[in-house]
Amino acid sequence: MRARAIAMADTGEAGAMKDWRYIGLHAVVAAGFIFLLQRYALNNSLESSLLWALTFGGCAAGPRLLPGQS
């Protein structure tokens, strides 16, 4: 177990895992927020709310996934 922890520290795998977790969490929270806003505050249809949630979640995660981003 210790050898794996040292190997992860050397290669930076733990940092990459942490980044993916935060990117995913940010996308899910953004999608949830816009879904609730569209569906209940603005009284839009379910289909429209889901489409906006998908778009907003993708926009929240997308720029971080582009090449050249650290």
N, C-alpha and C. Protein backbone atom coordinates (compact mmCIF):
# COMPACT_ATOMS: atom_id res chain seq x y z
N MET A 1 0.82 -1.19 0.00
CA MET A 1 0.00 0.00 0.00
C MET A 1 0.87 1.26 0.00
N ARG A 2 1.91 1.25 0.80
CA ARG A 2 2.79 2.40 0.89
C ARG A 2 3.51 2.64 -0.44
N ALA A 3 3.91 1.54 -1.11
CA ALA A 3 4.60 1.67 -2.39
C ALA A 3 3.68 2.32 -3.43
N ARG A 4 2.40 1.98 -3.39
CA ARG A 4 1.45 2.59 -4.33
C ARG A 4 1.29 4.07 -4.04
N ALA A 5 1.25 4.44 -2.77
CA ALA A 5 1.12 5.85 -2.40
C ALA A 5 2.34 6.64 -2.86
N ILE A 6 3.51 6.04 -2.72
CA ILE A 6 4.74 6.72 -3.17
C ILE A 6 4.74 6.85 -4.69
N ALA A 7 4.31 5.79 -5.39
CA ALA A 7 4.26 5.83 -6.85
C ALA A 7 3.27 6.88 -7.33
N MET A 8 2.13 6.99 -6.65
CA MET A 8 1.15 8.00 -7.04
C MET A 8 1.69 9.40 -6.79
N ALA A 9 2.41 9.58 -5.72
CA ALA A 9 2.98 10.89 -5.41
C ALA A 9 4.02 11.28 -6.45
N ASP A 10 4.80 10.29 -6.92
CA ASP A 10 5.83 10.56 -7.91
C ASP A 10 5.25 10.90 -9.28
N THR A 11 4.17 10.22 -9.66
CA THR A 11 3.63 10.41 -11.00
C THR A 11 2.56 11.49 -11.07
N GLY A 12 2.05 11.92 -9.93
CA GLY A 12 1.02 12.95 -9.92
C GLY A 12 -0.37 12.41 -10.17
N GLU A 13 -0.56 11.10 -10.06
CA GLU A 13 -1.88 10.52 -10.30
C GLU A 13 -2.92 11.02 -9.30
N ALA A 14 -2.51 11.21 -8.07
CA ALA A 14 -3.45 11.67 -7.04
C ALA A 14 -3.95 13.06 -7.38
N GLY A 15 -3.09 13.92 -7.89
CA GLY A 15 -3.50 15.26 -8.27
C GLY A 15 -4.48 15.24 -9.43
N ALA A 16 -4.24 14.35 -10.39
CA ALA A 16 -5.15 14.25 -11.54
C ALA A 16 -6.50 13.73 -11.09
N MET A 17 -6.50 12.77 -10.17
CA MET A 17 -7.76 12.24 -9.65
C MET A 17 -8.55 13.32 -8.94
N LYS A 18 -7.86 14.13 -8.18
CA LYS A 18 -8.50 15.22 -7.45
C LYS A 18 -9.11 16.22 -8.44
N ASP A 19 -8.37 16.52 -9.50
CA ASP A 19 -8.90 17.43 -10.52
C ASP A 19 -10.16 16.89 -11.16
N TRP A 20 -10.17 15.60 -11.54
CA TRP A 20 -11.35 15.01 -12.18
C TRP A 20 -12.54 15.04 -11.25
N ARG A 21 -12.29 14.81 -9.96
CA ARG A 21 -13.38 14.83 -8.99
C ARG A 21 -13.99 16.24 -8.91
N TYR A 22 -13.15 17.25 -8.88
CA TYR A 22 -13.66 18.62 -8.79
C TYR A 22 -14.34 19.07 -10.08
N ILE A 23 -13.82 18.64 -11.21
CA ILE A 23 -14.45 18.97 -12.49
C ILE A 23 -15.84 18.34 -12.56
N GLY A 24 -15.93 17.07 -12.19
CA GLY A 24 -17.23 16.38 -12.19
C GLY A 24 -18.20 16.99 -11.20
N LEU A 25 -17.71 17.30 -10.01
CA LEU A 25 -18.57 17.91 -9.00
C LEU A 25 -19.08 19.28 -9.46
N HIS A 26 -18.21 20.05 -10.06
CA HIS A 26 -18.60 21.37 -10.56
C HIS A 26 -19.66 21.25 -11.65
N ALA A 27 -19.49 20.30 -12.55
CA ALA A 27 -20.46 20.10 -13.63
C ALA A 27 -21.81 19.66 -13.08
N VAL A 28 -21.80 18.74 -12.12
CA VAL A 28 -23.06 18.23 -11.54
C VAL A 28 -23.78 19.33 -10.77
N VAL A 29 -23.05 20.10 -9.99
CA VAL A 29 -23.68 21.19 -9.22
C VAL A 29 -24.24 22.26 -10.16
N ALA A 30 -23.49 22.60 -11.20
CA ALA A 30 -23.97 23.60 -12.15
C ALA A 30 -25.23 23.11 -12.88
N ALA A 31 -25.23 21.84 -13.28
CA ALA A 31 -26.39 21.27 -13.96
C ALA A 31 -27.60 21.24 -13.02
N GLY A 32 -27.38 20.83 -11.79
CA GLY A 32 -28.47 20.80 -10.82
C GLY A 32 -29.05 22.17 -10.54
N PHE A 33 -28.17 23.15 -10.42
CA PHE A 33 -28.61 24.52 -10.18
C PHE A 33 -29.49 25.04 -11.32
N ILE A 34 -29.02 24.89 -12.55
CA ILE A 34 -29.77 25.43 -13.67
C ILE A 34 -31.06 24.65 -13.88
N PHE A 35 -31.05 23.32 -13.59
CA PHE A 35 -32.28 22.55 -13.71
C PHE A 35 -33.33 23.07 -12.74
N LEU A 36 -32.95 23.24 -11.48
CA LEU A 36 -33.90 23.74 -10.47
C LEU A 36 -34.38 25.14 -10.80
N LEU A 37 -33.48 25.98 -11.27
CA LEU A 37 -33.86 27.34 -11.64
C LEU A 37 -34.86 27.33 -12.79
N GLN A 38 -34.54 26.59 -13.85
CA GLN A 38 -35.42 26.54 -15.01
C GLN A 38 -36.76 25.89 -14.69
N ARG A 39 -36.71 24.78 -13.98
CA ARG A 39 -37.92 23.99 -13.75
C ARG A 39 -38.88 24.65 -12.77
N TYR A 40 -38.36 25.14 -11.66
CA TYR A 40 -39.25 25.61 -10.58
C TYR A 40 -39.34 27.13 -10.48
N ALA A 41 -38.25 27.83 -10.69
CA ALA A 41 -38.30 29.30 -10.59
C ALA A 41 -38.88 29.92 -11.86
N LEU A 42 -38.52 29.35 -13.01
CA LEU A 42 -38.99 29.92 -14.28
C LEU A 42 -40.13 29.12 -14.91
N ASN A 43 -40.52 28.02 -14.27
CA ASN A 43 -41.66 27.19 -14.71
C ASN A 43 -41.56 26.71 -16.15
N ASN A 44 -40.37 26.28 -16.56
CA ASN A 44 -40.19 25.73 -17.89
C ASN A 44 -40.56 24.25 -17.90
N SER A 45 -40.69 23.68 -19.09
CA SER A 45 -41.03 22.26 -19.21
C SER A 45 -39.85 21.39 -18.77
N LEU A 46 -40.14 20.13 -18.51
CA LEU A 46 -39.10 19.19 -18.09
C LEU A 46 -38.03 19.03 -19.17
N GLU A 47 -38.46 18.92 -20.43
CA GLU A 47 -37.52 18.73 -21.52
C GLU A 47 -36.58 19.93 -21.65
N SER A 48 -37.13 21.11 -21.57
CA SER A 48 -36.32 22.32 -21.67
C SER A 48 -35.35 22.43 -20.49
N SER A 49 -35.84 22.10 -19.31
CA SER A 49 -34.98 22.17 -18.11
C SER A 49 -33.83 21.18 -18.21
N LEU A 50 -34.11 19.96 -18.69
CA LEU A 50 -33.06 18.96 -18.83
C LEU A 50 -32.04 19.35 -19.90
N LEU A 51 -32.52 19.93 -20.98
CA LEU A 51 -31.61 20.39 -22.03
C LEU A 51 -30.69 21.49 -21.51
N TRP A 52 -31.26 22.43 -20.79
CA TRP A 52 -30.45 23.51 -20.21
C TRP A 52 -29.46 22.96 -19.19
N ALA A 53 -29.88 21.98 -18.38
CA ALA A 53 -29.00 21.38 -17.39
C ALA A 53 -27.82 20.69 -18.07
N LEU A 54 -28.08 19.95 -19.13
CA LEU A 54 -27.02 19.28 -19.87
C LEU A 54 -26.04 20.30 -20.47
N THR A 55 -26.59 21.34 -21.06
CA THR A 55 -25.75 22.38 -21.67
C THR A 55 -24.92 23.10 -20.62
N PHE A 56 -25.56 23.50 -19.54
CA PHE A 56 -24.87 24.25 -18.49
C PHE A 56 -23.80 23.40 -17.82
N GLY A 57 -24.10 22.12 -17.55
CA GLY A 57 -23.11 21.21 -16.97
C GLY A 57 -21.92 21.01 -17.89
N GLY A 58 -22.19 20.86 -19.18
CA GLY A 58 -21.10 20.73 -20.15
C GLY A 58 -20.24 21.96 -20.24
N CYS A 59 -20.87 23.11 -20.17
CA CYS A 59 -20.11 24.37 -20.19
C CYS A 59 -19.30 24.55 -18.92
N ALA A 60 -19.78 24.02 -17.81
CA ALA A 60 -19.03 24.13 -16.56
C ALA A 60 -17.78 23.25 -16.58
N ALA A 61 -17.86 22.09 -17.22
CA ALA A 61 -16.73 21.17 -17.26
C ALA A 61 -15.87 21.35 -18.49
N GLY A 62 -16.46 21.79 -19.59
CA GLY A 62 -15.78 21.82 -20.88
C GLY A 62 -14.46 22.56 -20.95
N PRO A 63 -14.39 23.81 -20.53
CA PRO A 63 -13.13 24.54 -20.67
C PRO A 63 -11.94 23.89 -19.95
N ARG A 64 -12.20 23.24 -18.85
CA ARG A 64 -11.14 22.60 -18.09
C ARG A 64 -10.64 21.34 -18.81
N LEU A 65 -11.45 20.77 -19.68
CA LEU A 65 -11.07 19.55 -20.38
C LEU A 65 -10.35 19.81 -21.69
N LEU A 66 -10.26 21.05 -22.11
CA LEU A 66 -9.59 21.38 -23.36
C LEU A 66 -8.09 21.19 -23.24
N PRO A 67 -7.43 20.81 -24.34
CA PRO A 67 -5.97 20.67 -24.28
C PRO A 67 -5.30 22.01 -23.96
N GLY A 68 -4.23 21.93 -23.24
CA GLY A 68 -3.49 23.14 -22.89
C GLY A 68 -3.90 23.74 -21.56
N GLN A 69 -4.93 23.20 -20.95
CA GLN A 69 -5.37 23.69 -19.63
C GLN A 69 -4.60 22.91 -18.57
N SER A 70 -4.15 23.60 -17.56
CA SER A 70 -3.42 22.89 -16.49
C SER A 70 -4.31 22.60 -15.32
